[in-house]
Amino acid sequence: MITLTEKAVDKVREIRDGQGQADAGLRIYVAGGGCSGFKYGMALDNEPAADDQVLQFGDLKIFVDSMSAPYLQGAEVDYVDDALLGQGFKVENPNAVSSCGCGQSFKTGDAAPAAAGGCGTGGGCGSGGGCGS
């Protein structure tokens, strides 16, 4: 469904442990908004919701809600540290037909934007507590 590079897994662990949330997982979601129609979001979350897919990367759990899952199918999350572009999580998404210059929002070929606030739970959509963003 979705993969994380070893650099991304290591960075999430670093953030999670640095915030004293060693048991938390990473929620990855898609919400309506951004300059291209959809935007990615990430936040630490302690428990999966009933409709979440739960993925395991070593000791790190990833939560993806049922509304976001189709938009993230086949996506890869990496952590980049570039002298020109800065550092942060980067999503390579085969479902995106275009994205904005910052890489934080995208457009698919088939869909209207998701309803704002329609994805994720707890620390999900629109929360300022995302990981590394």
N, C-alpha and C. Protein backbone atom coordinates (compact mmCIF):
# COMPACT_ATOMS: atom_id res chain seq x y z
N MET A 1 0.81 -1.20 0.00
CA MET A 1 0.00 0.00 0.00
C MET A 1 0.86 1.26 0.00
N ILE A 2 1.59 1.50 1.07
CA ILE A 2 2.47 2.66 1.18
C ILE A 2 3.78 2.16 1.79
N THR A 3 4.88 2.72 1.36
CA THR A 3 6.17 2.31 1.91
C THR A 3 6.89 3.54 2.47
N LEU A 4 7.76 3.30 3.41
CA LEU A 4 8.63 4.33 3.97
C LEU A 4 10.07 3.90 3.77
N THR A 5 10.91 4.83 3.37
CA THR A 5 12.32 4.52 3.26
C THR A 5 12.91 4.40 4.67
N GLU A 6 14.07 3.81 4.75
CA GLU A 6 14.73 3.65 6.05
C GLU A 6 15.01 5.02 6.68
N LYS A 7 15.36 6.02 5.84
CA LYS A 7 15.58 7.38 6.37
C LYS A 7 14.31 7.96 6.97
N ALA A 8 13.17 7.72 6.33
CA ALA A 8 11.90 8.23 6.85
C ALA A 8 11.54 7.53 8.17
N VAL A 9 11.71 6.23 8.23
CA VAL A 9 11.42 5.48 9.45
C VAL A 9 12.30 5.98 10.59
N ASP A 10 13.58 6.14 10.31
CA ASP A 10 14.51 6.62 11.35
C ASP A 10 14.12 8.01 11.85
N LYS A 11 13.72 8.90 10.93
CA LYS A 11 13.35 10.26 11.33
C LYS A 11 12.07 10.27 12.16
N VAL A 12 11.10 9.46 11.77
CA VAL A 12 9.86 9.39 12.56
C VAL A 12 10.17 8.88 13.96
N ARG A 13 11.01 7.86 14.06
CA ARG A 13 11.40 7.34 15.38
C ARG A 13 12.07 8.44 16.20
N GLU A 14 12.95 9.20 15.57
CA GLU A 14 13.64 10.29 16.26
C GLU A 14 12.65 11.33 16.79
N ILE A 15 11.70 11.71 15.96
CA ILE A 15 10.69 12.71 16.35
C ILE A 15 9.80 12.14 17.47
N ARG A 16 9.34 10.92 17.25
CA ARG A 16 8.46 10.25 18.22
C ARG A 16 9.14 10.14 19.59
N ASP A 17 10.36 9.65 19.60
CA ASP A 17 11.09 9.47 20.85
C ASP A 17 11.44 10.81 21.48
N GLY A 18 11.77 11.81 20.66
CA GLY A 18 12.09 13.14 21.15
C GLY A 18 10.91 13.83 21.81
N GLN A 19 9.71 13.44 21.41
CA GLN A 19 8.50 14.01 22.01
C GLN A 19 7.97 13.15 23.15
N GLY A 20 8.75 12.13 23.54
CA GLY A 20 8.33 11.28 24.64
C GLY A 20 7.12 10.42 24.32
N GLN A 21 6.94 10.07 23.05
CA GLN A 21 5.80 9.27 22.62
C GLN A 21 6.28 7.97 21.97
N ALA A 22 7.11 7.22 22.68
CA ALA A 22 7.76 6.03 22.13
C ALA A 22 6.77 4.99 21.61
N ASP A 23 5.53 4.99 22.09
CA ASP A 23 4.55 4.00 21.65
C ASP A 23 3.65 4.52 20.54
N ALA A 24 3.79 5.77 20.15
CA ALA A 24 2.92 6.36 19.13
C ALA A 24 3.27 5.83 17.74
N GLY A 25 2.26 5.83 16.88
CA GLY A 25 2.45 5.50 15.47
C GLY A 25 2.35 6.78 14.65
N LEU A 26 2.60 6.64 13.37
CA LEU A 26 2.51 7.79 12.46
C LEU A 26 1.25 7.66 11.63
N ARG A 27 0.40 8.68 11.71
CA ARG A 27 -0.78 8.75 10.86
C ARG A 27 -0.39 9.52 9.61
N ILE A 28 -0.64 8.91 8.45
CA ILE A 28 -0.43 9.56 7.16
C ILE A 28 -1.80 9.68 6.51
N TYR A 29 -2.15 10.89 6.08
CA TYR A 29 -3.49 11.10 5.54
C TYR A 29 -3.48 12.10 4.40
N VAL A 30 -4.59 12.16 3.72
CA VAL A 30 -4.82 13.10 2.63
C VAL A 30 -6.04 13.91 3.00
N ALA A 31 -5.97 15.21 2.78
CA ALA A 31 -7.10 16.10 3.06
C ALA A 31 -7.29 17.03 1.86
N GLY A 32 -8.49 17.55 1.73
CA GLY A 32 -8.74 18.54 0.70
C GLY A 32 -8.01 19.82 1.05
N GLY A 33 -7.46 20.49 0.03
CA GLY A 33 -6.77 21.75 0.26
C GLY A 33 -5.46 21.82 -0.50
N GLY A 34 -4.67 22.78 -0.15
CA GLY A 34 -3.40 22.98 -0.85
C GLY A 34 -3.64 23.61 -2.20
N CYS A 35 -2.57 23.94 -2.88
CA CYS A 35 -2.69 24.64 -4.15
C CYS A 35 -3.07 23.73 -5.30
N SER A 36 -3.02 22.40 -5.10
CA SER A 36 -3.36 21.48 -6.18
C SER A 36 -4.62 20.66 -5.93
N GLY A 37 -5.29 20.85 -4.81
CA GLY A 37 -6.55 20.16 -4.55
C GLY A 37 -6.52 19.23 -3.35
N PHE A 38 -5.44 18.51 -3.15
CA PHE A 38 -5.26 17.63 -2.00
C PHE A 38 -3.95 18.00 -1.32
N LYS A 39 -3.86 17.71 -0.04
CA LYS A 39 -2.59 17.91 0.65
C LYS A 39 -2.32 16.71 1.55
N TYR A 40 -1.03 16.45 1.74
CA TYR A 40 -0.60 15.36 2.61
C TYR A 40 -0.52 15.86 4.04
N GLY A 41 -0.76 14.97 4.95
CA GLY A 41 -0.59 15.29 6.36
C GLY A 41 0.02 14.11 7.10
N MET A 42 0.75 14.44 8.15
CA MET A 42 1.35 13.42 9.01
C MET A 42 1.27 13.92 10.44
N ALA A 43 0.95 13.01 11.34
CA ALA A 43 0.88 13.35 12.75
C ALA A 43 1.10 12.09 13.58
N LEU A 44 1.65 12.27 14.74
CA LEU A 44 1.76 11.15 15.66
C LEU A 44 0.39 10.85 16.23
N ASP A 45 0.08 9.57 16.39
CA ASP A 45 -1.22 9.15 16.91
C ASP A 45 -1.00 7.90 17.75
N ASN A 46 -1.72 7.81 18.86
CA ASN A 46 -1.51 6.69 19.78
C ASN A 46 -2.28 5.43 19.42
N GLU A 47 -3.42 5.57 18.80
CA GLU A 47 -4.27 4.42 18.51
C GLU A 47 -4.85 4.51 17.11
N PRO A 48 -4.99 3.38 16.44
CA PRO A 48 -5.66 3.39 15.14
C PRO A 48 -7.16 3.56 15.31
N ALA A 49 -7.80 4.14 14.31
CA ALA A 49 -9.26 4.23 14.27
C ALA A 49 -9.80 2.91 13.72
N ALA A 50 -11.08 2.71 13.86
CA ALA A 50 -11.70 1.45 13.45
C ALA A 50 -11.49 1.14 11.97
N ASP A 51 -11.46 2.18 11.11
CA ASP A 51 -11.33 1.95 9.68
C ASP A 51 -9.90 2.11 9.16
N ASP A 52 -8.93 2.20 10.04
CA ASP A 52 -7.54 2.38 9.62
C ASP A 52 -6.91 1.09 9.11
N GLN A 53 -6.05 1.23 8.13
CA GLN A 53 -5.12 0.17 7.78
C GLN A 53 -3.89 0.43 8.65
N VAL A 54 -3.37 -0.60 9.27
CA VAL A 54 -2.20 -0.47 10.12
C VAL A 54 -1.05 -1.21 9.46
N LEU A 55 0.02 -0.48 9.18
CA LEU A 55 1.21 -1.04 8.56
C LEU A 55 2.32 -1.04 9.59
N GLN A 56 3.22 -1.98 9.48
CA GLN A 56 4.31 -2.10 10.45
C GLN A 56 5.65 -1.99 9.74
N PHE A 57 6.51 -1.11 10.25
CA PHE A 57 7.88 -0.95 9.77
C PHE A 57 8.78 -1.11 10.98
N GLY A 58 9.19 -2.34 11.27
CA GLY A 58 9.92 -2.62 12.50
C GLY A 58 9.02 -2.33 13.68
N ASP A 59 9.48 -1.46 14.59
CA ASP A 59 8.66 -1.11 15.75
C ASP A 59 7.75 0.09 15.49
N LEU A 60 7.74 0.59 14.26
CA LEU A 60 6.94 1.78 13.92
C LEU A 60 5.65 1.37 13.23
N LYS A 61 4.52 1.83 13.78
CA LYS A 61 3.21 1.58 13.17
C LYS A 61 2.81 2.79 12.34
N ILE A 62 2.21 2.52 11.19
CA ILE A 62 1.69 3.56 10.31
C ILE A 62 0.19 3.36 10.22
N PHE A 63 -0.59 4.43 10.42
CA PHE A 63 -2.04 4.40 10.34
C PHE A 63 -2.49 5.17 9.10
N VAL A 64 -3.33 4.53 8.28
CA VAL A 64 -3.88 5.19 7.09
C VAL A 64 -5.39 4.96 7.11
N ASP A 65 -6.17 6.04 7.14
CA ASP A 65 -7.63 5.91 7.19
C ASP A 65 -8.17 5.49 5.83
N SER A 66 -9.39 4.97 5.84
CA SER A 66 -9.99 4.40 4.63
C SER A 66 -10.23 5.44 3.53
N MET A 67 -10.43 6.70 3.88
CA MET A 67 -10.63 7.73 2.85
C MET A 67 -9.32 8.09 2.17
N SER A 68 -8.22 8.05 2.91
CA SER A 68 -6.91 8.42 2.36
C SER A 68 -6.26 7.28 1.59
N ALA A 69 -6.56 6.05 1.97
CA ALA A 69 -5.87 4.88 1.41
C ALA A 69 -5.84 4.84 -0.12
N PRO A 70 -6.95 5.07 -0.83
CA PRO A 70 -6.88 5.00 -2.29
C PRO A 70 -5.93 6.04 -2.90
N TYR A 71 -5.82 7.19 -2.28
CA TYR A 71 -4.95 8.25 -2.80
C TYR A 71 -3.48 7.99 -2.50
N LEU A 72 -3.21 7.12 -1.53
CA LEU A 72 -1.84 6.82 -1.13
C LEU A 72 -1.35 5.46 -1.63
N GLN A 73 -2.19 4.75 -2.36
CA GLN A 73 -1.83 3.42 -2.85
C GLN A 73 -0.55 3.50 -3.69
N GLY A 74 0.48 2.77 -3.29
CA GLY A 74 1.74 2.73 -4.02
C GLY A 74 2.69 3.87 -3.71
N ALA A 75 2.31 4.77 -2.81
CA ALA A 75 3.16 5.92 -2.49
C ALA A 75 4.37 5.51 -1.65
N GLU A 76 5.43 6.29 -1.77
CA GLU A 76 6.63 6.09 -0.96
C GLU A 76 6.94 7.38 -0.23
N VAL A 77 7.18 7.27 1.07
CA VAL A 77 7.53 8.42 1.89
C VAL A 77 9.02 8.34 2.19
N ASP A 78 9.72 9.44 1.93
CA ASP A 78 11.15 9.52 2.18
C ASP A 78 11.40 10.74 3.05
N TYR A 79 12.54 10.78 3.69
CA TYR A 79 12.97 11.97 4.42
C TYR A 79 14.18 12.52 3.69
N VAL A 80 14.11 13.79 3.29
CA VAL A 80 15.20 14.41 2.54
C VAL A 80 15.80 15.56 3.34
N ASP A 81 17.07 15.72 3.18
CA ASP A 81 17.80 16.82 3.81
C ASP A 81 18.67 17.42 2.72
N ASP A 82 18.13 18.43 2.05
CA ASP A 82 18.76 19.02 0.88
C ASP A 82 19.21 20.44 1.20
N ALA A 83 20.41 20.79 0.81
CA ALA A 83 20.95 22.12 1.09
C ALA A 83 20.09 23.23 0.48
N LEU A 84 19.53 23.00 -0.69
CA LEU A 84 18.72 24.03 -1.35
C LEU A 84 17.26 24.00 -0.94
N LEU A 85 16.69 22.81 -0.84
CA LEU A 85 15.26 22.69 -0.58
C LEU A 85 14.91 22.53 0.89
N GLY A 86 15.91 22.30 1.72
CA GLY A 86 15.65 22.13 3.15
C GLY A 86 15.43 20.67 3.48
N GLN A 87 14.83 20.44 4.63
CA GLN A 87 14.61 19.08 5.07
C GLN A 87 13.14 18.84 5.35
N GLY A 88 12.73 17.60 5.22
CA GLY A 88 11.35 17.23 5.49
C GLY A 88 10.98 15.95 4.79
N PHE A 89 9.74 15.55 4.99
CA PHE A 89 9.24 14.33 4.38
C PHE A 89 8.77 14.62 2.97
N LYS A 90 9.07 13.71 2.07
CA LYS A 90 8.69 13.85 0.67
C LYS A 90 7.89 12.62 0.28
N VAL A 91 6.76 12.83 -0.38
CA VAL A 91 5.90 11.73 -0.80
C VAL A 91 6.00 11.60 -2.32
N GLU A 92 6.41 10.43 -2.77
CA GLU A 92 6.39 10.09 -4.20
C GLU A 92 5.10 9.29 -4.40
N ASN A 93 4.15 9.89 -5.11
CA ASN A 93 2.82 9.32 -5.22
C ASN A 93 2.49 9.02 -6.68
N PRO A 94 2.35 7.73 -7.05
CA PRO A 94 2.02 7.40 -8.43
C PRO A 94 0.61 7.81 -8.84
N ASN A 95 -0.24 8.17 -7.88
CA ASN A 95 -1.60 8.59 -8.18
C ASN A 95 -1.71 10.07 -8.52
N ALA A 96 -0.66 10.82 -8.28
CA ALA A 96 -0.68 12.26 -8.53
C ALA A 96 -0.35 12.53 -10.00
N VAL A 97 -1.22 13.29 -10.66
CA VAL A 97 -0.95 13.69 -12.04
C VAL A 97 -0.24 15.03 -12.09
N SER A 98 -0.33 15.79 -11.01
CA SER A 98 0.42 17.04 -10.90
C SER A 98 0.55 17.38 -9.42
N SER A 99 1.53 18.22 -9.12
CA SER A 99 1.71 18.67 -7.74
C SER A 99 2.21 20.10 -7.76
N CYS A 100 2.11 20.75 -6.62
CA CYS A 100 2.56 22.13 -6.54
C CYS A 100 4.08 22.15 -6.39
N GLY A 101 4.66 23.30 -6.49
CA GLY A 101 6.11 23.44 -6.41
C GLY A 101 6.70 22.99 -5.09
N CYS A 102 5.96 23.14 -4.01
CA CYS A 102 6.49 22.76 -2.70
C CYS A 102 6.39 21.26 -2.45
N GLY A 103 5.61 20.53 -3.27
CA GLY A 103 5.48 19.10 -3.11
C GLY A 103 4.56 18.67 -1.99
N GLN A 104 3.86 19.60 -1.37
CA GLN A 104 2.99 19.26 -0.25
C GLN A 104 1.54 19.05 -0.67
N SER A 105 1.21 19.38 -1.91
CA SER A 105 -0.16 19.14 -2.38
C SER A 105 -0.10 18.53 -3.77
N PHE A 106 -1.20 17.87 -4.16
CA PHE A 106 -1.21 17.16 -5.43
C PHE A 106 -2.62 17.09 -5.98
N LYS A 107 -2.70 16.66 -7.22
CA LYS A 107 -3.98 16.49 -7.90
C LYS A 107 -3.98 15.10 -8.53
N THR A 108 -5.13 14.43 -8.45
CA THR A 108 -5.28 13.14 -9.12
C THR A 108 -6.04 13.35 -10.40
N GLY A 109 -6.01 12.35 -11.27
CA GLY A 109 -6.67 12.48 -12.55
C GLY A 109 -8.16 12.28 -12.51
N ASP A 110 -8.69 11.71 -11.42
CA ASP A 110 -10.09 11.32 -11.43
C ASP A 110 -11.00 11.97 -10.41
N ALA A 111 -10.45 12.65 -9.43
CA ALA A 111 -11.29 12.99 -8.28
C ALA A 111 -11.39 14.47 -8.01
N ALA A 112 -12.52 14.82 -7.42
CA ALA A 112 -12.68 16.15 -6.84
C ALA A 112 -12.00 16.13 -5.48
N PRO A 113 -11.58 17.29 -4.95
CA PRO A 113 -10.92 17.31 -3.65
C PRO A 113 -11.76 16.68 -2.56
N ALA A 114 -11.08 16.02 -1.64
CA ALA A 114 -11.75 15.43 -0.47
C ALA A 114 -12.31 16.55 0.39
N ALA A 115 -13.35 16.24 1.12
CA ALA A 115 -13.92 17.23 2.03
C ALA A 115 -12.90 17.59 3.09
N ALA A 116 -12.75 18.85 3.37
CA ALA A 116 -11.80 19.29 4.40
C ALA A 116 -12.16 18.64 5.72
N GLY A 117 -11.17 18.12 6.39
CA GLY A 117 -11.41 17.48 7.67
C GLY A 117 -11.98 16.09 7.55
N GLY A 118 -12.06 15.56 6.34
CA GLY A 118 -12.66 14.26 6.15
C GLY A 118 -11.74 13.09 6.38
N CYS A 119 -10.49 13.31 6.60
CA CYS A 119 -9.53 12.21 6.73
C CYS A 119 -8.88 12.25 8.10
N GLY A 120 -8.46 11.10 8.55
CA GLY A 120 -7.68 11.03 9.78
C GLY A 120 -8.52 11.20 11.03
N THR A 121 -7.87 10.97 12.16
CA THR A 121 -8.52 11.14 13.45
C THR A 121 -7.53 11.73 14.42
N GLY A 122 -8.00 12.11 15.57
CA GLY A 122 -7.10 12.59 16.61
C GLY A 122 -6.23 13.72 16.13
N GLY A 123 -4.94 13.47 15.93
CA GLY A 123 -4.00 14.48 15.49
C GLY A 123 -4.00 14.62 13.99
N GLY A 124 -5.06 14.26 13.33
CA GLY A 124 -5.14 14.22 11.88
C GLY A 124 -5.25 15.57 11.21
N CYS A 125 -6.22 15.70 10.32
CA CYS A 125 -6.32 16.83 9.41
C CYS A 125 -6.22 18.18 10.08
N GLY A 126 -5.39 19.00 9.51
CA GLY A 126 -5.30 20.39 9.93
C GLY A 126 -4.63 20.62 11.26
N SER A 127 -4.20 19.56 11.94
CA SER A 127 -3.54 19.80 13.22
C SER A 127 -2.14 20.29 12.95
N GLY A 128 -1.67 21.19 13.74
CA GLY A 128 -0.35 21.74 13.54
C GLY A 128 0.76 20.83 14.04
N GLY A 129 0.42 19.66 14.54
CA GLY A 129 1.42 18.80 15.15
C GLY A 129 1.98 17.75 14.24
N GLY A 130 2.04 18.00 12.94
CA GLY A 130 2.57 17.02 12.02
C GLY A 130 4.05 16.77 12.21
N CYS A 131 4.54 15.72 11.64
CA CYS A 131 5.94 15.34 11.78
C CYS A 131 6.80 16.04 10.75
N GLY A 132 7.70 16.86 11.15
CA GLY A 132 8.71 17.43 10.27
C GLY A 132 8.20 18.35 9.18
N SER A 133 6.95 18.77 9.25
CA SER A 133 6.44 19.63 8.19
C SER A 133 6.42 21.07 8.61
